[in-house]
Protein backbone atom coordinates (compact mmCIF):
# COMPACT_ATOMS: atom_id res chain seq x y z
CA MET A 1 -15.36 10.23 50.80
CA PRO A 2 -16.58 10.93 54.37
CA TYR A 3 -20.24 11.39 53.46
CA ARG A 4 -23.02 9.67 51.54
CA TYR A 5 -26.34 10.91 50.28
CA ILE A 6 -29.49 9.48 51.81
CA GLU A 7 -32.34 8.99 49.38
CA ASP A 8 -35.26 8.07 51.64
CA ILE A 9 -35.31 10.81 54.32
CA ALA A 10 -36.92 13.76 52.59
CA THR A 11 -38.80 13.78 49.32
CA ALA A 12 -38.15 17.34 48.09
CA ASP A 13 -34.91 17.90 49.96
CA ALA A 14 -31.39 16.49 49.95
CA ALA A 15 -29.98 14.57 52.89
CA PHE A 16 -26.59 13.14 53.73
CA ALA A 17 -24.89 11.14 56.45
CA LEU A 18 -21.44 12.30 57.55
CA TRP A 19 -18.54 10.82 59.45
CA GLY A 20 -15.06 11.76 60.47
CA GLU A 21 -12.28 11.02 62.92
CA SER A 22 -12.61 14.55 64.34
CA ARG A 23 -15.30 17.20 64.59
CA GLU A 24 -13.38 19.27 62.04
CA GLU A 25 -13.33 16.37 59.58
CA LEU A 26 -17.08 15.93 60.01
CA PHE A 27 -17.74 19.65 59.39
CA ARG A 28 -15.45 19.66 56.34
CA ALA A 29 -17.29 16.63 54.96
CA ALA A 30 -20.58 18.51 55.39
CA ALA A 31 -19.19 21.51 53.49
CA GLU A 32 -18.01 19.23 50.66
CA ALA A 33 -21.36 17.43 50.50
CA LEU A 34 -23.12 20.81 50.33
CA LEU A 35 -20.85 21.97 47.50
CA ASN A 36 -21.38 18.72 45.60
CA GLU A 37 -25.13 19.18 45.93
CA MET A 38 -24.90 22.68 44.42
CA VAL A 39 -22.26 22.28 41.68
CA GLU A 40 -21.78 19.55 39.10
CA ASN A 41 -17.99 19.85 38.98
CA PRO A 42 -16.56 21.24 42.24
CA ALA A 43 -13.04 20.59 40.94
CA ALA A 44 -13.56 23.51 38.51
CA ILE A 45 -13.81 25.98 41.40
CA GLY A 46 -10.71 28.16 41.68
CA THR A 47 -9.31 29.93 44.74
CA GLN A 48 -9.42 33.61 43.77
CA GLU A 49 -11.69 34.74 46.65
CA THR A 50 -11.49 34.07 50.37
CA ALA A 51 -13.89 34.31 53.29
CA ASP A 52 -13.41 33.83 57.01
CA ILE A 53 -16.24 32.39 59.07
CA SER A 54 -16.45 32.77 62.84
CA LEU A 55 -19.41 31.24 64.67
CA ARG A 56 -20.50 30.40 68.20
CA GLN A 57 -23.37 28.15 69.19
CA GLU A 58 -24.45 26.33 72.32
CA ALA A 59 -24.95 22.95 70.62
CA LEU A 60 -22.62 21.20 68.16
CA ASP A 61 -25.40 20.20 65.77
CA LEU A 62 -26.67 23.79 65.67
CA LEU A 63 -23.12 24.97 64.97
CA LEU A 64 -22.99 22.62 61.98
CA MET A 65 -26.30 23.98 60.70
CA ASP A 66 -25.12 27.59 61.17
CA PHE A 67 -21.87 26.81 59.35
CA LEU A 68 -23.63 25.31 56.34
CA ASN A 69 -26.12 28.18 56.30
CA GLU A 70 -23.25 30.67 56.29
CA LEU A 71 -21.77 28.93 53.23
CA ILE A 72 -25.20 29.06 51.57
CA TYR A 73 -25.55 32.75 52.48
CA LEU A 74 -22.15 33.52 50.92
CA LYS A 75 -23.26 31.68 47.77
CA ASP A 76 -26.46 33.71 47.58
CA ALA A 77 -25.25 37.14 48.77
CA ARG A 78 -21.74 37.25 47.29
CA GLN A 79 -22.12 34.58 44.57
CA LEU A 80 -19.22 32.62 46.10
CA LEU A 81 -18.64 28.90 45.86
CA LEU A 82 -16.32 28.06 48.73
CA ARG A 83 -14.19 25.21 50.05
CA VAL A 84 -12.82 25.00 53.56
CA ASP A 85 -9.05 25.44 53.67
CA GLU A 86 -8.55 25.60 57.44
CA MET A 87 -10.93 24.97 60.30
CA SER A 88 -10.83 24.77 64.05
CA LEU A 89 -13.59 23.94 66.48
CA GLY A 90 -13.32 24.80 70.13
CA ASP A 91 -15.22 24.32 73.34
CA SER A 92 -16.23 27.48 75.14
CA LEU A 93 -18.22 28.18 78.24
CA GLY A 94 -21.76 27.24 77.32
CA GLY A 95 -21.06 26.08 73.81
CA PHE A 96 -18.78 25.66 70.85
CA THR A 97 -16.87 27.94 68.50
CA LEU A 98 -15.88 27.57 64.87
CA GLN A 99 -13.20 29.40 62.92
CA ALA A 100 -12.88 28.61 59.22
CA HIS A 101 -10.87 30.06 56.38
CA CYS A 102 -12.42 29.30 53.01
CA SER A 103 -11.40 29.94 49.43
CA GLY A 104 -13.23 29.71 46.16
CA GLU A 105 -14.53 31.92 43.44
CA ARG A 106 -17.56 33.75 42.16
CA ILE A 107 -20.11 31.70 40.27
CA ASP A 108 -19.28 31.63 36.56
CA PRO A 109 -22.14 29.98 34.63
CA THR A 110 -19.76 29.15 31.77
CA ARG A 111 -17.58 27.01 34.08
CA HIS A 112 -19.81 26.08 37.03
CA HIS A 113 -22.84 24.05 36.10
CA LEU A 114 -25.18 24.61 39.04
CA LEU A 115 -27.36 21.72 40.14
CA ALA A 116 -29.63 22.38 43.11
CA ASP A 117 -30.32 25.82 44.52
CA VAL A 118 -29.90 24.99 48.20
CA LYS A 119 -31.91 27.37 50.37
CA ALA A 120 -30.85 26.23 53.84
CA ALA A 121 -29.63 23.49 56.13
CA THR A 122 -32.58 22.49 58.29
CA LEU A 123 -33.28 21.24 61.81
CA TYR A 124 -35.10 18.20 60.42
CA ARG A 125 -33.18 15.10 61.57
CA LEU A 126 -30.10 17.21 62.26
CA LYS A 127 -27.64 15.22 64.34
CA VAL A 128 -24.00 15.31 65.40
CA GLU A 129 -22.77 12.65 67.79
CA ARG A 130 -19.69 10.76 68.83
CA VAL A 131 -20.08 7.03 68.28
CA GLU A 132 -17.20 5.00 69.65
CA ARG A 133 -14.15 6.84 68.27
CA ARG A 134 -15.79 8.55 65.29
CA TRP A 135 -18.02 11.55 64.80
CA LYS A 136 -21.23 10.95 62.85
CA GLY A 137 -23.92 13.28 61.67
CA THR A 138 -27.00 13.74 59.53
CA VAL A 139 -28.00 16.87 57.61
CA VAL A 140 -31.09 17.65 55.52
CA LEU A 141 -30.93 20.54 53.05
CA ASP A 142 -33.93 22.52 51.84
CA ILE A 143 -33.71 22.81 48.07
């Protein structure tokens, strides 16, 4: 599991540390950690619905925050619980781009026991960095 929850960062929020061999692996780990924070049994989520996410941001950590906030928005606005199927991150002039194809399904209270109602990924202690040959990051969620 390429993430772990951090208990002592924020009292009323959820925080996790991430790692991966690539930027994409780090971002996918963040999406999984977010889903695990919101749903008791993510394995029960089917793949009936899809969503494509396309983002651009000047900083990699801000791109991660935007990506998580887009997943949260899709949960709130379209009632979708989503997993990342495909993802690519690119470097562009003055920033970074993200393309992701996600699949999941609408929230079904009879099958998806919701845990925390995540409101947003925050700037507090947000970090994405390359350390030696791995990517590491920290995210705090407002719940």
